Structures are given as structure tokens and as C-alpha cells.
């Protein structure tokens, strides 16, 4: 029995993720999991991270770190989106 059409495993996985509409949530999870890698020791005071409507919300216990990260907002968004390979977040809100 000859196969007429072969498909790579990456293409099959991509199709399954698209069909079940979990690709976006997977990318959001990658953004959140890469937060400590991008920030390094500055990520330690981050209490809670979540994404809603393409906005990353970060709860911080240190006001000093909050103001530092606010100044780095555009750089952080670019780095986090580069980790995923596309624009997943459009803004970051520090609380």
C-alpha cells in the first residue's frame, strides 16, 4: 500500500491546535512561563501573572521594581513576543 500524501508531525500538531482553538492559550502560557527567563532576578517579586485581552497583568510586591519595569515595558513586550514568535501581548500592566 503506497502513501500518496505524507504530512510532517509539526503540520499535524499545528492543525490539531488550530482545530481545537488552543493555539492562542498555548502561546499565552509560553509568555507566562518565559517571564522569569526574560527578567531574571527581577521576576522574583512577581506574585501573579495572567493575560486577558492581549494584556499581560503582573502583580508585584515591590513598588520599586514596579516603577523599574514600567520604564522597560516596551522592551519587555518585544522580548516576550519574540520568545513565542508572534505578537501575543500588546500591553503590560503592572499592579
C-alpha atoms as a PDB file:
ATOM      1  CA  UNK A   1       0.000   0.000   0.000  1.00  0.00           C
ATOM      2  CA  UNK A   2       1.572   3.256  -1.152  1.00  0.00           C
ATOM      3  CA  UNK A   3       1.066   6.518   0.608  1.00  0.00           C
ATOM      4  CA  UNK A   4       0.113   9.299  -1.701  1.00  0.00           C
ATOM      5  CA  UNK A   5       0.328  12.199   0.723  1.00  0.00           C
ATOM      6  CA  UNK A   6       2.700  12.406   3.670  1.00  0.00           C
ATOM      7  CA  UNK A   7       2.419  15.090   6.305  1.00  0.00           C
ATOM      8  CA  UNK A   8       5.006  16.147   8.871  1.00  0.00           C
ATOM      9  CA  UNK A   9       4.217  15.751  12.560  1.00  0.00           C
ATOM     10  CA  UNK A  10       4.639  19.521  13.036  1.00  0.00           C
ATOM     11  CA  UNK A  11       1.915  20.171  10.484  1.00  0.00           C
ATOM     12  CA  UNK A  12      -0.417  17.646  12.140  1.00  0.00           C
ATOM     13  CA  UNK A  13       0.124  19.219  15.576  1.00  0.00           C
ATOM     14  CA  UNK A  14      -0.459  22.693  14.150  1.00  0.00           C
ATOM     15  CA  UNK A  15      -3.713  21.575  12.531  1.00  0.00           C
ATOM     16  CA  UNK A  16      -4.940  19.957  15.758  1.00  0.00           C
ATOM     17  CA  UNK A  17      -4.129  23.083  17.790  1.00  0.00           C
ATOM     18  CA  UNK A  18      -5.968  25.249  15.264  1.00  0.00           C
ATOM     19  CA  UNK A  19      -8.959  22.919  15.107  1.00  0.00           C
ATOM     20  CA  UNK A  20      -9.436  22.820  18.875  1.00  0.00           C
ATOM     21  CA  UNK A  21      -8.601  26.549  19.176  1.00  0.00           C
ATOM     22  CA  UNK A  22      -5.980  26.062  21.878  1.00  0.00           C
ATOM     23  CA  UNK A  23      -3.073  27.579  19.974  1.00  0.00           C
ATOM     24  CA  UNK A  24      -3.630  31.046  21.472  1.00  0.00           C
ATOM     25  CA  UNK A  25      -3.808  29.745  25.038  1.00  0.00           C
ATOM     26  CA  UNK A  26      -0.650  27.721  24.466  1.00  0.00           C
ATOM     27  CA  UNK A  27       1.192  30.844  23.319  1.00  0.00           C
ATOM     28  CA  UNK A  28      -0.091  32.774  26.335  1.00  0.00           C
ATOM     29  CA  UNK A  29       1.214  30.010  28.601  1.00  0.00           C
ATOM     30  CA  UNK A  30       4.607  30.256  26.889  1.00  0.00           C
ATOM     31  CA  UNK A  31       4.685  34.019  27.550  1.00  0.00           C
ATOM     32  CA  UNK A  32       3.957  33.499  31.241  1.00  0.00           C
ATOM     33  CA  UNK A  33       6.472  30.666  31.589  1.00  0.00           C
ATOM     34  CA  UNK A  34       9.205  32.726  29.905  1.00  0.00           C
ATOM     35  CA  UNK A  35       8.689  35.699  32.279  1.00  0.00           C
ATOM     36  CA  UNK A  36      11.385  34.547  34.795  1.00  0.00           C
ATOM     37  CA  UNK A  37      13.793  33.796  31.953  1.00  0.00           C
ATOM     38  CA  UNK A  38      13.407  37.271  30.422  1.00  0.00           C
ATOM     39  CA  UNK A  39      13.575  39.175  33.717  1.00  0.00           C
ATOM     40  CA  UNK A  40      15.998  37.042  35.677  1.00  0.00           C
ATOM     41  CA  UNK A  41      16.175  38.038  39.381  1.00  0.00           C
ATOM     42  CA  UNK A  42      13.737  40.930  38.846  1.00  0.00           C
ATOM     43  CA  UNK A  43      10.958  38.365  38.346  1.00  0.00           C
ATOM     44  CA  UNK A  44      11.158  37.221  41.967  1.00  0.00           C
ATOM     45  CA  UNK A  45       8.702  39.788  43.420  1.00  0.00           C
ATOM     46  CA  UNK A  46       6.061  38.886  40.786  1.00  0.00           C
ATOM     47  CA  UNK A  47       3.103  37.436  42.661  1.00  0.00           C
ATOM     48  CA  UNK A  48       0.634  36.697  39.914  1.00  0.00           C
ATOM     49  CA  UNK A  49       0.729  36.853  36.101  1.00  0.00           C
ATOM     50  CA  UNK A  50      -2.166  36.421  33.714  1.00  0.00           C
ATOM     51  CA  UNK A  51      -3.181  37.514  30.226  1.00  0.00           C
ATOM     52  CA  UNK A  52      -6.576  38.954  29.371  1.00  0.00           C
ATOM     53  CA  UNK A  53      -7.482  40.551  26.023  1.00  0.00           C
ATOM     54  CA  UNK A  54      -3.820  40.537  24.900  1.00  0.00           C
ATOM     55  CA  UNK A  55      -2.748  42.457  28.021  1.00  0.00           C
ATOM     56  CA  UNK A  56      -0.274  40.887  30.443  1.00  0.00           C
ATOM     57  CA  UNK A  57      -1.164  41.744  34.043  1.00  0.00           C
ATOM     58  CA  UNK A  58       1.682  41.468  36.543  1.00  0.00           C
ATOM     59  CA  UNK A  59       1.102  41.812  40.283  1.00  0.00           C
ATOM     60  CA  UNK A  60       4.250  42.912  42.092  1.00  0.00           C
ATOM     61  CA  UNK A  61       5.027  43.149  45.790  1.00  0.00           C
ATOM     62  CA  UNK A  62       7.715  45.802  45.326  1.00  0.00           C
ATOM     63  CA  UNK A  63       6.863  49.344  44.236  1.00  0.00           C
ATOM     64  CA  UNK A  64      10.488  49.979  43.311  1.00  0.00           C
ATOM     65  CA  UNK A  65      10.539  47.016  40.910  1.00  0.00           C
ATOM     66  CA  UNK A  66       7.136  48.119  39.574  1.00  0.00           C
ATOM     67  CA  UNK A  67       8.477  51.525  38.550  1.00  0.00           C
ATOM     68  CA  UNK A  68      11.656  49.979  37.076  1.00  0.00           C
ATOM     69  CA  UNK A  69       9.643  47.535  34.971  1.00  0.00           C
ATOM     70  CA  UNK A  70       7.245  50.280  33.870  1.00  0.00           C
ATOM     71  CA  UNK A  71      10.161  52.061  32.239  1.00  0.00           C
ATOM     72  CA  UNK A  72      11.156  48.817  30.471  1.00  0.00           C
ATOM     73  CA  UNK A  73       7.604  47.978  29.294  1.00  0.00           C
ATOM     74  CA  UNK A  74       8.176  48.170  25.516  1.00  0.00           C
ATOM     75  CA  UNK A  75      11.421  46.187  25.710  1.00  0.00           C
ATOM     76  CA  UNK A  76       9.751  43.510  27.838  1.00  0.00           C
ATOM     77  CA  UNK A  77       6.820  43.203  25.418  1.00  0.00           C
ATOM     78  CA  UNK A  78       9.191  42.835  22.479  1.00  0.00           C
ATOM     79  CA  UNK A  79      11.311  40.181  24.241  1.00  0.00           C
ATOM     80  CA  UNK A  80       8.303  38.175  25.410  1.00  0.00           C
ATOM     81  CA  UNK A  81       6.655  38.248  21.990  1.00  0.00           C
ATOM     82  CA  UNK A  82       9.944  37.194  20.368  1.00  0.00           C
ATOM     83  CA  UNK A  83      10.041  34.143  22.649  1.00  0.00           C
ATOM     84  CA  UNK A  84       6.716  32.996  21.180  1.00  0.00           C
ATOM     85  CA  UNK A  85       7.421  34.111  17.627  1.00  0.00           C
ATOM     86  CA  UNK A  86       4.443  36.414  17.148  1.00  0.00           C
ATOM     87  CA  UNK A  87       2.631  39.274  18.849  1.00  0.00           C
ATOM     88  CA  UNK A  88       0.640  37.691  21.661  1.00  0.00           C
ATOM     89  CA  UNK A  89       0.584  40.624  24.088  1.00  0.00           C
ATOM     90  CA  UNK A  90       0.031  44.278  23.170  1.00  0.00           C
ATOM     91  CA  UNK A  91       0.491  45.839  26.594  1.00  0.00           C
ATOM     92  CA  UNK A  92       1.735  45.101  30.106  1.00  0.00           C
ATOM     93  CA  UNK A  93       0.010  46.401  33.240  1.00  0.00           C
ATOM     94  CA  UNK A  94       1.953  46.398  36.497  1.00  0.00           C
ATOM     95  CA  UNK A  95      -0.057  46.374  39.737  1.00  0.00           C
END
